[in-house]
Amino acid sequence: MVYPNPSANEVNFVLSEEFGDDYVISICNSEARLLNSYPCKSSDRIQRFSISEYKNGVYYYRINDNNSKLLQGKMVVLH
């Protein structure tokens, strides 16, 4: 779950269950260009990141664990 969505300054990723391994949250723009990648510990179920530098638009996130895709979705930035 990602909230708030849309967001202007910060976005929170809340994972419903702990993953067995550490994972990475990747943020891409609408052209699939990687903008940021955030390594996270398996025990951290809530992650908060600043998105204030992103322009208005739709962005996509992927959550990967050992190179396998676990979750994906989109978020909207609206300042």
N, C-alpha and C. Protein backbone atom coordinates (compact mmCIF):
# COMPACT_ATOMS: atom_id res chain seq x y z
N MET A 1 0.84 -1.17 0.00
CA MET A 1 0.00 0.00 0.00
C MET A 1 0.89 1.24 0.00
N VAL A 2 0.51 2.20 -0.82
CA VAL A 2 1.23 3.46 -0.91
C VAL A 2 0.27 4.58 -0.55
N TYR A 3 0.69 5.44 0.36
CA TYR A 3 -0.16 6.57 0.73
C TYR A 3 0.71 7.75 1.13
N PRO A 4 0.25 8.97 1.09
CA PRO A 4 -0.96 9.35 0.36
C PRO A 4 -0.71 9.24 -1.14
N ASN A 5 -1.74 9.03 -1.86
CA ASN A 5 -1.64 8.89 -3.32
C ASN A 5 -2.90 9.49 -3.93
N PRO A 6 -2.82 10.69 -4.51
CA PRO A 6 -1.62 11.45 -4.87
C PRO A 6 -0.94 12.10 -3.67
N SER A 7 0.32 12.47 -3.89
CA SER A 7 1.12 13.08 -2.84
C SER A 7 1.93 14.23 -3.39
N ALA A 8 2.37 15.13 -2.50
CA ALA A 8 3.17 16.28 -2.92
C ALA A 8 4.59 16.23 -2.39
N ASN A 9 4.77 15.78 -1.14
CA ASN A 9 6.09 15.87 -0.52
C ASN A 9 6.69 14.55 -0.09
N GLU A 10 5.90 13.71 0.53
CA GLU A 10 6.39 12.42 1.01
C GLU A 10 5.41 11.32 0.63
N VAL A 11 5.96 10.13 0.49
CA VAL A 11 5.13 8.97 0.22
C VAL A 11 5.55 7.86 1.18
N ASN A 12 4.57 7.11 1.64
CA ASN A 12 4.81 6.00 2.57
C ASN A 12 4.49 4.68 1.87
N PHE A 13 5.38 3.74 2.01
CA PHE A 13 5.15 2.38 1.53
C PHE A 13 4.90 1.52 2.76
N VAL A 14 3.76 0.86 2.81
CA VAL A 14 3.43 -0.02 3.93
C VAL A 14 3.27 -1.42 3.37
N LEU A 15 4.11 -2.32 3.83
CA LEU A 15 4.07 -3.70 3.35
C LEU A 15 3.26 -4.53 4.32
N SER A 16 2.34 -5.31 3.80
CA SER A 16 1.40 -6.05 4.64
C SER A 16 2.05 -7.23 5.36
N GLU A 17 3.16 -7.70 4.86
CA GLU A 17 3.85 -8.82 5.52
C GLU A 17 5.35 -8.62 5.38
N GLU A 18 6.09 -9.16 6.31
CA GLU A 18 7.54 -9.06 6.24
C GLU A 18 8.07 -10.00 5.16
N PHE A 19 9.05 -9.52 4.42
CA PHE A 19 9.68 -10.35 3.41
C PHE A 19 10.79 -11.13 4.07
N GLY A 20 11.10 -12.28 3.50
CA GLY A 20 12.16 -13.12 4.05
C GLY A 20 13.54 -12.53 3.87
N ASP A 21 13.71 -11.71 2.84
CA ASP A 21 15.01 -11.12 2.54
C ASP A 21 14.88 -9.61 2.49
N ASP A 22 16.02 -8.93 2.49
CA ASP A 22 16.00 -7.49 2.28
C ASP A 22 15.44 -7.23 0.88
N TYR A 23 14.95 -6.03 0.67
CA TYR A 23 14.31 -5.71 -0.60
C TYR A 23 14.68 -4.31 -1.03
N VAL A 24 14.34 -3.98 -2.27
CA VAL A 24 14.64 -2.68 -2.85
C VAL A 24 13.36 -2.09 -3.42
N ILE A 25 13.10 -0.82 -3.11
CA ILE A 25 11.98 -0.09 -3.70
C ILE A 25 12.57 0.80 -4.78
N SER A 26 12.14 0.62 -6.01
CA SER A 26 12.62 1.40 -7.15
C SER A 26 11.49 2.27 -7.68
N ILE A 27 11.83 3.53 -7.99
CA ILE A 27 10.87 4.48 -8.53
C ILE A 27 11.29 4.84 -9.95
N CYS A 28 10.35 4.71 -10.90
CA CYS A 28 10.61 5.03 -12.31
C CYS A 28 9.62 6.08 -12.78
N ASN A 29 10.04 6.84 -13.79
CA ASN A 29 9.12 7.82 -14.38
C ASN A 29 8.25 7.13 -15.42
N SER A 30 7.42 7.90 -16.11
CA SER A 30 6.48 7.33 -17.09
C SER A 30 7.17 6.76 -18.31
N GLU A 31 8.47 7.08 -18.49
CA GLU A 31 9.25 6.52 -19.60
C GLU A 31 10.08 5.32 -19.15
N ALA A 32 9.79 4.81 -17.96
CA ALA A 32 10.46 3.64 -17.37
C ALA A 32 11.92 3.90 -17.02
N ARG A 33 12.30 5.16 -16.89
CA ARG A 33 13.66 5.51 -16.48
C ARG A 33 13.74 5.47 -14.95
N LEU A 34 14.72 4.75 -14.43
CA LEU A 34 14.90 4.62 -13.00
C LEU A 34 15.32 5.96 -12.41
N LEU A 35 14.57 6.44 -11.42
CA LEU A 35 14.88 7.71 -10.77
C LEU A 35 15.58 7.51 -9.43
N ASN A 36 15.09 6.59 -8.64
CA ASN A 36 15.67 6.30 -7.33
C ASN A 36 15.50 4.83 -7.00
N SER A 37 16.41 4.36 -6.18
CA SER A 37 16.36 3.00 -5.70
C SER A 37 16.71 3.03 -4.22
N TYR A 38 15.84 2.47 -3.38
CA TYR A 38 15.99 2.53 -1.94
C TYR A 38 16.13 1.12 -1.35
N PRO A 39 17.31 0.75 -0.87
CA PRO A 39 17.46 -0.55 -0.21
C PRO A 39 16.78 -0.52 1.16
N CYS A 40 16.10 -1.61 1.50
CA CYS A 40 15.34 -1.70 2.76
C CYS A 40 15.60 -3.04 3.43
N LYS A 41 15.49 -3.04 4.73
CA LYS A 41 15.65 -4.27 5.52
C LYS A 41 14.34 -5.05 5.55
N SER A 42 14.42 -6.36 5.61
CA SER A 42 13.22 -7.20 5.59
C SER A 42 12.30 -6.92 6.78
N SER A 43 12.85 -6.48 7.88
CA SER A 43 12.04 -6.24 9.07
C SER A 43 11.32 -4.88 9.05
N ASP A 44 11.68 -4.01 8.11
CA ASP A 44 11.07 -2.68 8.02
C ASP A 44 9.83 -2.73 7.14
N ARG A 45 8.66 -2.69 7.76
CA ARG A 45 7.40 -2.79 7.01
C ARG A 45 6.91 -1.45 6.50
N ILE A 46 7.39 -0.34 7.09
CA ILE A 46 6.96 1.00 6.66
C ILE A 46 8.19 1.78 6.23
N GLN A 47 8.14 2.32 5.02
CA GLN A 47 9.21 3.15 4.48
C GLN A 47 8.64 4.49 4.06
N ARG A 48 9.34 5.58 4.36
CA ARG A 48 8.90 6.92 3.99
C ARG A 48 10.00 7.60 3.19
N PHE A 49 9.62 8.14 2.03
CA PHE A 49 10.59 8.79 1.16
C PHE A 49 10.07 10.15 0.71
N SER A 50 11.00 11.08 0.53
CA SER A 50 10.65 12.39 -0.01
C SER A 50 10.49 12.29 -1.53
N ILE A 51 9.44 12.89 -2.03
CA ILE A 51 9.24 12.97 -3.48
C ILE A 51 9.07 14.42 -3.92
N SER A 52 9.48 15.35 -3.07
CA SER A 52 9.28 16.77 -3.35
C SER A 52 10.04 17.24 -4.59
N GLU A 53 11.11 16.53 -4.97
CA GLU A 53 11.87 16.93 -6.16
C GLU A 53 11.25 16.42 -7.46
N TYR A 54 10.26 15.55 -7.37
CA TYR A 54 9.62 15.02 -8.57
C TYR A 54 8.63 16.04 -9.12
N LYS A 55 8.56 16.10 -10.44
CA LYS A 55 7.57 16.96 -11.10
C LYS A 55 6.20 16.30 -11.03
N ASN A 56 5.16 17.08 -11.24
CA ASN A 56 3.80 16.53 -11.30
C ASN A 56 3.75 15.43 -12.34
N GLY A 57 3.08 14.34 -12.02
CA GLY A 57 2.94 13.26 -12.99
C GLY A 57 2.73 11.92 -12.33
N VAL A 58 2.73 10.89 -13.15
CA VAL A 58 2.55 9.52 -12.71
C VAL A 58 3.91 8.84 -12.67
N TYR A 59 4.17 8.15 -11.59
CA TYR A 59 5.42 7.42 -11.39
C TYR A 59 5.08 5.98 -11.03
N TYR A 60 6.02 5.10 -11.32
CA TYR A 60 5.80 3.67 -11.08
C TYR A 60 6.82 3.17 -10.06
N TYR A 61 6.38 2.28 -9.20
CA TYR A 61 7.30 1.68 -8.24
C TYR A 61 7.32 0.18 -8.41
N ARG A 62 8.46 -0.39 -8.06
CA ARG A 62 8.65 -1.84 -8.03
C ARG A 62 9.32 -2.18 -6.71
N ILE A 63 8.92 -3.26 -6.13
CA ILE A 63 9.57 -3.76 -4.93
C ILE A 63 10.13 -5.14 -5.28
N ASN A 64 11.46 -5.24 -5.22
CA ASN A 64 12.14 -6.47 -5.62
C ASN A 64 12.86 -7.09 -4.43
N ASP A 65 12.88 -8.40 -4.44
CA ASP A 65 13.56 -9.19 -3.42
C ASP A 65 14.41 -10.22 -4.16
N ASN A 66 15.74 -10.11 -4.05
CA ASN A 66 16.65 -11.04 -4.74
C ASN A 66 16.34 -11.15 -6.24
N ASN A 67 16.16 -10.01 -6.89
CA ASN A 67 15.94 -9.91 -8.34
C ASN A 67 14.60 -10.46 -8.81
N SER A 68 13.69 -10.77 -7.91
CA SER A 68 12.35 -11.17 -8.35
C SER A 68 11.37 -10.08 -7.94
N LYS A 69 10.45 -9.76 -8.81
CA LYS A 69 9.48 -8.70 -8.56
C LYS A 69 8.44 -9.18 -7.57
N LEU A 70 8.27 -8.44 -6.49
CA LEU A 70 7.27 -8.81 -5.49
C LEU A 70 6.00 -8.00 -5.65
N LEU A 71 6.16 -6.69 -5.80
CA LEU A 71 5.01 -5.79 -5.93
C LEU A 71 5.34 -4.70 -6.94
N GLN A 72 4.30 -4.17 -7.55
CA GLN A 72 4.48 -3.02 -8.42
C GLN A 72 3.19 -2.22 -8.43
N GLY A 73 3.30 -0.95 -8.79
CA GLY A 73 2.13 -0.10 -8.83
C GLY A 73 2.50 1.30 -9.29
N LYS A 74 1.56 2.20 -9.16
CA LYS A 74 1.84 3.57 -9.58
C LYS A 74 1.43 4.54 -8.48
N MET A 75 2.07 5.70 -8.54
CA MET A 75 1.74 6.77 -7.61
C MET A 75 1.72 8.08 -8.38
N VAL A 76 0.95 9.02 -7.88
CA VAL A 76 0.79 10.30 -8.55
C VAL A 76 1.40 11.38 -7.68
N VAL A 77 2.21 12.24 -8.32
CA VAL A 77 2.78 13.41 -7.64
C VAL A 77 2.02 14.61 -8.13
N LEU A 78 1.50 15.37 -7.19
CA LEU A 78 0.69 16.55 -7.49
C LEU A 78 1.02 17.63 -6.47
N HIS A 79 1.77 18.64 -6.91
CA HIS A 79 2.18 19.74 -6.01
C HIS A 79 1.13 20.83 -5.98
